[in-house]
Amino acid sequence: MENILELLYDQPARVHEKDSPFVNTAKIRNEYMELLTDSMTDEQKDLLEAYFEADDKIDNMMNFDRFQYAFHLGAQFMAEIIEGRGKLLNQ
């Protein structure tokens, strides 16, 4: 079984509507990428692909670090709230 952080982090991706700003921006990005790669040599395309793979790895690491921090912070908030509520009920 995976640990709870991995299960929460690997949740299914959000589905965007066809006319959403996210989808429209992704289409524009893809169009620019096609224009760029059409003008490149095979060697340049290979270098660009290697760059994107390394960039994706870094992005995934940073996103998981952010998620871990936010999860830990949320757990700390909950602990403080529960402790504070317990103190209020004892008075």
Protein backbone atom coordinates (compact mmCIF):
# COMPACT_ATOMS: atom_id res chain seq x y z
CA MET A 1 0.00 0.00 0.00
CA GLU A 2 1.22 3.50 -0.84
CA ASN A 3 1.65 5.99 1.97
CA ILE A 4 -1.15 8.51 2.52
CA LEU A 5 0.82 11.44 1.06
CA GLU A 6 1.31 9.57 -2.22
CA LEU A 7 -2.36 8.58 -2.37
CA LEU A 8 -3.51 12.16 -1.84
CA TYR A 9 -0.89 13.65 -4.18
CA ASP A 10 -1.68 11.23 -7.02
CA GLN A 11 -5.38 12.10 -7.10
CA PRO A 12 -7.03 12.18 -10.54
CA ALA A 13 -6.45 15.32 -12.58
CA ARG A 14 -9.17 17.93 -12.75
CA VAL A 15 -11.23 17.91 -15.95
CA HIS A 16 -11.66 21.34 -17.55
CA GLU A 17 -14.55 22.45 -19.73
CA LYS A 18 -13.84 22.77 -23.47
CA ASP A 19 -14.12 26.58 -23.41
CA SER A 20 -12.28 27.15 -20.12
CA PRO A 21 -9.31 29.53 -19.90
CA PHE A 22 -7.10 26.53 -19.11
CA VAL A 23 -8.04 24.67 -22.29
CA ASN A 24 -7.76 27.81 -24.43
CA THR A 25 -4.30 28.58 -23.04
CA ALA A 26 -3.18 24.98 -23.59
CA LYS A 27 -4.28 25.20 -27.24
CA ILE A 28 -2.29 28.42 -27.73
CA ARG A 29 0.78 26.86 -26.09
CA ASN A 30 0.51 23.81 -28.35
CA GLU A 31 0.21 25.98 -31.45
CA TYR A 32 3.38 27.88 -30.49
CA MET A 33 5.20 24.61 -29.81
CA GLU A 34 4.24 23.30 -33.25
CA LEU A 35 5.50 26.51 -34.89
CA LEU A 36 8.74 26.28 -32.94
CA THR A 37 9.42 22.60 -33.63
CA ASP A 38 8.59 22.97 -37.33
CA SER A 39 11.53 25.34 -37.63
CA MET A 40 14.01 23.12 -35.74
CA THR A 41 16.49 20.50 -36.83
CA ASP A 42 16.24 16.94 -35.48
CA GLU A 43 19.19 17.58 -33.16
CA GLN A 44 17.50 20.70 -31.77
CA LYS A 45 14.28 18.75 -31.26
CA ASP A 46 16.17 16.08 -29.31
CA LEU A 47 17.77 18.73 -27.11
CA LEU A 48 14.41 20.37 -26.50
CA GLU A 49 12.86 17.01 -25.59
CA ALA A 50 15.68 16.30 -23.12
CA TYR A 51 15.14 19.75 -21.60
CA PHE A 52 11.40 19.12 -21.20
CA GLU A 53 12.02 15.76 -19.53
CA ALA A 54 14.40 17.33 -17.00
CA ASP A 55 12.01 20.24 -16.47
CA ASP A 56 9.11 17.86 -15.83
CA LYS A 57 11.14 15.99 -13.21
CA ILE A 58 12.01 19.22 -11.43
CA ASP A 59 8.38 20.41 -11.57
CA ASN A 60 7.15 17.14 -10.11
CA MET A 61 9.67 17.35 -7.27
CA MET A 62 8.74 20.95 -6.48
CA ASN A 63 5.01 20.21 -6.64
CA PHE A 64 5.38 17.28 -4.25
CA ASP A 65 7.45 19.45 -1.87
CA ARG A 66 4.69 22.09 -1.92
CA PHE A 67 2.05 19.46 -1.32
CA GLN A 68 3.95 17.96 1.62
CA TYR A 69 4.39 21.39 3.17
CA ALA A 70 0.71 22.28 2.75
CA PHE A 71 -0.42 18.90 4.09
CA HIS A 72 1.87 19.24 7.11
CA LEU A 73 0.70 22.80 7.73
CA GLY A 74 -2.95 21.71 7.52
CA ALA A 75 -2.31 18.90 9.99
CA GLN A 76 -0.67 21.36 12.37
CA PHE A 77 -3.68 23.70 12.09
CA MET A 78 -6.05 20.85 12.86
CA ALA A 79 -3.99 19.78 15.87
CA GLU A 80 -4.00 23.32 17.24
CA ILE A 81 -7.73 23.67 16.67
CA ILE A 82 -8.43 20.36 18.42
CA GLU A 83 -6.14 21.29 21.31
CA GLY A 84 -7.77 24.71 21.60
CA ARG A 85 -11.26 23.21 21.50
CA GLY A 86 -10.30 20.76 24.22
CA LYS A 87 -9.06 23.61 26.39
CA LEU A 88 -12.31 25.51 25.81
CA LEU A 89 -14.44 22.50 26.77
CA ASN A 90 -12.49 21.91 30.00
CA GLN A 91 -13.09 25.45 31.27
